[in-house]
Amino acid sequence: MTSTTQRIAAKVRGVSAERRLTQQGIADALELSRTSVVERINGRVPFTATEILILARTLNVQVGRFFPTVEEMLLDEPEMAVAS
């Protein structure tokens, strides 16, 4: 099972890679140390809402790019599916 924090971290890694933003670039944008960013992008510490907003603006993407879809959530947690 993958936590939401880990899913969001994976999305941040993916979008950052697409946009060629380094860990140091993320740290600079968020005004955090690189070590703090590593903790977040590895899913050990959750990103705050403000950090996600800053990243969306910095990377020029919609905030939703950083969140898993319902389908992605159901892949790991089928018990979340609603019986029809």
N, C-alpha and C. Protein backbone atom coordinates (compact mmCIF):
# COMPACT_ATOMS: atom_id res chain seq x y z
N MET A 1 0.84 -1.18 0.00
CA MET A 1 0.00 0.00 0.00
C MET A 1 0.88 1.24 0.00
N THR A 2 0.52 2.19 -0.83
CA THR A 2 1.27 3.43 -0.95
C THR A 2 0.47 4.55 -0.31
N SER A 3 1.13 5.36 0.51
CA SER A 3 0.42 6.45 1.17
C SER A 3 0.22 7.62 0.20
N THR A 4 -0.74 8.45 0.52
CA THR A 4 -0.99 9.64 -0.27
C THR A 4 0.26 10.52 -0.30
N THR A 5 0.96 10.62 0.82
CA THR A 5 2.19 11.41 0.87
C THR A 5 3.21 10.88 -0.14
N GLN A 6 3.34 9.57 -0.23
CA GLN A 6 4.28 8.97 -1.18
C GLN A 6 3.83 9.17 -2.62
N ARG A 7 2.52 9.11 -2.85
CA ARG A 7 2.00 9.33 -4.21
C ARG A 7 2.27 10.77 -4.65
N ILE A 8 2.01 11.72 -3.77
CA ILE A 8 2.26 13.12 -4.10
C ILE A 8 3.74 13.35 -4.35
N ALA A 9 4.59 12.76 -3.52
CA ALA A 9 6.04 12.89 -3.70
C ALA A 9 6.44 12.36 -5.08
N ALA A 10 5.88 11.23 -5.48
CA ALA A 10 6.20 10.66 -6.79
C ALA A 10 5.76 11.59 -7.91
N LYS A 11 4.62 12.22 -7.75
CA LYS A 11 4.14 13.17 -8.76
C LYS A 11 5.08 14.38 -8.84
N VAL A 12 5.50 14.88 -7.68
CA VAL A 12 6.43 16.02 -7.67
C VAL A 12 7.73 15.63 -8.38
N ARG A 13 8.25 14.44 -8.09
CA ARG A 13 9.47 13.97 -8.76
C ARG A 13 9.27 13.93 -10.27
N GLY A 14 8.14 13.38 -10.69
CA GLY A 14 7.89 13.23 -12.12
C GLY A 14 7.75 14.56 -12.84
N VAL A 15 6.95 15.46 -12.29
CA VAL A 15 6.75 16.77 -12.92
C VAL A 15 8.05 17.56 -12.91
N SER A 16 8.77 17.50 -11.81
CA SER A 16 10.05 18.22 -11.73
C SER A 16 11.03 17.70 -12.77
N ALA A 17 11.06 16.39 -12.97
CA ALA A 17 11.94 15.80 -13.98
C ALA A 17 11.54 16.26 -15.38
N GLU A 18 10.22 16.26 -15.66
CA GLU A 18 9.73 16.73 -16.97
C GLU A 18 10.18 18.15 -17.25
N ARG A 19 10.13 18.98 -16.21
CA ARG A 19 10.44 20.40 -16.35
C ARG A 19 11.92 20.71 -16.08
N ARG A 20 12.67 19.64 -15.79
CA ARG A 20 14.11 19.76 -15.54
C ARG A 20 14.44 20.69 -14.37
N LEU A 21 13.64 20.57 -13.32
CA LEU A 21 13.90 21.33 -12.10
C LEU A 21 14.61 20.41 -11.12
N THR A 22 15.79 20.80 -10.71
CA THR A 22 16.60 19.98 -9.80
C THR A 22 16.09 20.07 -8.37
N GLN A 23 16.61 19.19 -7.52
CA GLN A 23 16.28 19.26 -6.09
C GLN A 23 16.67 20.62 -5.54
N GLN A 24 17.82 21.13 -5.96
CA GLN A 24 18.24 22.45 -5.48
C GLN A 24 17.29 23.53 -5.98
N GLY A 25 16.79 23.38 -7.21
CA GLY A 25 15.81 24.32 -7.74
C GLY A 25 14.53 24.31 -6.94
N ILE A 26 14.10 23.11 -6.55
CA ILE A 26 12.91 22.99 -5.70
C ILE A 26 13.19 23.66 -4.35
N ALA A 27 14.35 23.38 -3.80
CA ALA A 27 14.72 23.97 -2.50
C ALA A 27 14.70 25.49 -2.58
N ASP A 28 15.26 26.03 -3.63
CA ASP A 28 15.28 27.48 -3.79
C ASP A 28 13.86 28.05 -3.90
N ALA A 29 13.02 27.39 -4.70
CA ALA A 29 11.65 27.87 -4.87
C ALA A 29 10.87 27.84 -3.56
N LEU A 30 11.10 26.79 -2.78
CA LEU A 30 10.36 26.62 -1.52
C LEU A 30 11.04 27.29 -0.33
N GLU A 31 12.24 27.82 -0.58
CA GLU A 31 13.03 28.44 0.50
C GLU A 31 13.27 27.44 1.63
N LEU A 32 13.68 26.22 1.21
CA LEU A 32 14.02 25.15 2.15
C LEU A 32 15.43 24.68 1.85
N SER A 33 16.00 23.93 2.78
CA SER A 33 17.29 23.31 2.51
C SER A 33 17.08 22.15 1.55
N ARG A 34 18.12 21.78 0.85
CA ARG A 34 18.03 20.64 -0.07
C ARG A 34 17.69 19.37 0.72
N THR A 35 18.22 19.25 1.93
CA THR A 35 17.93 18.09 2.77
C THR A 35 16.43 18.00 3.06
N SER A 36 15.80 19.13 3.36
CA SER A 36 14.36 19.15 3.61
C SER A 36 13.58 18.75 2.37
N VAL A 37 14.05 19.16 1.21
CA VAL A 37 13.38 18.80 -0.04
C VAL A 37 13.52 17.30 -0.29
N VAL A 38 14.69 16.75 -0.04
CA VAL A 38 14.90 15.31 -0.22
C VAL A 38 13.93 14.52 0.65
N GLU A 39 13.73 14.97 1.88
CA GLU A 39 12.78 14.30 2.77
C GLU A 39 11.38 14.31 2.17
N ARG A 40 11.02 15.40 1.53
CA ARG A 40 9.69 15.52 0.93
C ARG A 40 9.58 14.70 -0.35
N ILE A 41 10.55 14.80 -1.24
CA ILE A 41 10.41 14.08 -2.51
C ILE A 41 10.60 12.58 -2.36
N ASN A 42 11.12 12.15 -1.23
CA ASN A 42 11.21 10.72 -0.94
C ASN A 42 9.99 10.22 -0.16
N GLY A 43 9.05 11.13 0.13
CA GLY A 43 7.80 10.75 0.79
C GLY A 43 7.89 10.55 2.28
N ARG A 44 8.99 10.96 2.89
CA ARG A 44 9.12 10.80 4.34
C ARG A 44 8.45 11.95 5.10
N VAL A 45 8.37 13.11 4.47
CA VAL A 45 7.72 14.29 5.05
C VAL A 45 6.73 14.80 4.01
N PRO A 46 5.49 15.08 4.40
CA PRO A 46 4.52 15.55 3.41
C PRO A 46 4.79 16.99 2.97
N PHE A 47 4.48 17.26 1.70
CA PHE A 47 4.49 18.64 1.21
C PHE A 47 3.29 19.35 1.82
N THR A 48 3.45 20.63 2.14
CA THR A 48 2.32 21.41 2.61
C THR A 48 1.54 21.92 1.40
N ALA A 49 0.32 22.36 1.65
CA ALA A 49 -0.49 22.93 0.57
C ALA A 49 0.21 24.13 -0.05
N THR A 50 0.81 24.97 0.78
CA THR A 50 1.52 26.14 0.27
C THR A 50 2.69 25.73 -0.61
N GLU A 51 3.43 24.69 -0.21
CA GLU A 51 4.55 24.21 -1.02
C GLU A 51 4.08 23.70 -2.37
N ILE A 52 2.96 22.99 -2.39
CA ILE A 52 2.41 22.49 -3.65
C ILE A 52 2.01 23.66 -4.55
N LEU A 53 1.41 24.67 -3.98
CA LEU A 53 1.02 25.86 -4.77
C LEU A 53 2.25 26.56 -5.35
N ILE A 54 3.30 26.69 -4.55
CA ILE A 54 4.53 27.32 -5.02
C ILE A 54 5.15 26.50 -6.15
N LEU A 55 5.16 25.17 -5.99
CA LEU A 55 5.72 24.31 -7.03
C LEU A 55 4.91 24.41 -8.32
N ALA A 56 3.59 24.45 -8.20
CA ALA A 56 2.75 24.57 -9.40
C ALA A 56 3.06 25.86 -10.14
N ARG A 57 3.21 26.94 -9.40
CA ARG A 57 3.53 28.23 -10.02
C ARG A 57 4.93 28.21 -10.62
N THR A 58 5.89 27.66 -9.89
CA THR A 58 7.27 27.61 -10.36
C THR A 58 7.40 26.77 -11.63
N LEU A 59 6.68 25.64 -11.66
CA LEU A 59 6.77 24.72 -12.78
C LEU A 59 5.76 25.02 -13.89
N ASN A 60 4.91 26.01 -13.63
CA ASN A 60 3.88 26.42 -14.59
C ASN A 60 2.97 25.24 -14.98
N VAL A 61 2.47 24.56 -13.95
CA VAL A 61 1.53 23.45 -14.15
C VAL A 61 0.33 23.64 -13.23
N GLN A 62 -0.73 22.93 -13.52
CA GLN A 62 -1.91 22.96 -12.65
C GLN A 62 -1.62 22.19 -11.37
N VAL A 63 -2.18 22.63 -10.28
CA VAL A 63 -1.98 21.99 -8.98
C VAL A 63 -2.35 20.51 -9.03
N GLY A 64 -3.37 20.18 -9.79
CA GLY A 64 -3.83 18.80 -9.89
C GLY A 64 -2.78 17.83 -10.40
N ARG A 65 -1.75 18.32 -11.08
CA ARG A 65 -0.68 17.44 -11.56
C ARG A 65 0.03 16.73 -10.42
N PHE A 66 -0.05 17.27 -9.21
CA PHE A 66 0.66 16.71 -8.07
C PHE A 66 -0.17 15.72 -7.25
N PHE A 67 -1.40 15.48 -7.67
CA PHE A 67 -2.27 14.60 -6.90
C PHE A 67 -2.64 13.36 -7.70
N PRO A 68 -2.74 12.21 -7.02
CA PRO A 68 -3.10 10.98 -7.72
C PRO A 68 -4.55 11.03 -8.19
N THR A 69 -4.81 10.34 -9.28
CA THR A 69 -6.18 10.23 -9.76
C THR A 69 -6.92 9.19 -8.92
N VAL A 70 -8.22 9.17 -9.05
CA VAL A 70 -9.02 8.17 -8.34
C VAL A 70 -8.59 6.77 -8.77
N GLU A 71 -8.34 6.60 -10.06
CA GLU A 71 -7.92 5.30 -10.57
C GLU A 71 -6.61 4.85 -9.94
N GLU A 72 -5.67 5.77 -9.81
CA GLU A 72 -4.39 5.43 -9.18
C GLU A 72 -4.58 5.04 -7.72
N MET A 73 -5.46 5.73 -7.04
CA MET A 73 -5.73 5.41 -5.63
C MET A 73 -6.34 4.01 -5.52
N LEU A 74 -7.23 3.66 -6.43
CA LEU A 74 -7.92 2.38 -6.37
C LEU A 74 -7.00 1.21 -6.71
N LEU A 75 -5.96 1.47 -7.49
CA LEU A 75 -5.03 0.39 -7.81
C LEU A 75 -4.39 -0.19 -6.56
N ASP A 76 -4.05 0.68 -5.61
CA ASP A 76 -3.41 0.23 -4.38
C ASP A 76 -4.40 -0.10 -3.28
N GLU A 77 -5.58 0.49 -3.34
CA GLU A 77 -6.55 0.31 -2.27
C GLU A 77 -7.93 0.00 -2.84
N PRO A 78 -8.13 -1.20 -3.38
CA PRO A 78 -9.41 -1.53 -4.00
C PRO A 78 -10.59 -1.46 -3.04
N GLU A 79 -10.32 -1.54 -1.74
CA GLU A 79 -11.42 -1.45 -0.77
C GLU A 79 -12.05 -0.06 -0.76
N MET A 80 -11.38 0.92 -1.39
CA MET A 80 -11.96 2.27 -1.48
C MET A 80 -13.05 2.34 -2.54
N ALA A 81 -13.11 1.34 -3.40
CA ALA A 81 -14.12 1.32 -4.46
C ALA A 81 -15.51 1.19 -3.84
N VAL A 82 -16.45 1.90 -4.42
CA VAL A 82 -17.82 1.86 -3.94
C VAL A 82 -18.55 0.76 -4.71
N ALA A 83 -19.22 -0.08 -3.96
CA ALA A 83 -19.99 -1.16 -4.60
C ALA A 83 -21.15 -0.55 -5.37
N SER A 84 -21.39 -1.10 -6.57
CA SER A 84 -22.51 -0.56 -7.36
C SER A 84 -23.75 -1.40 -7.23
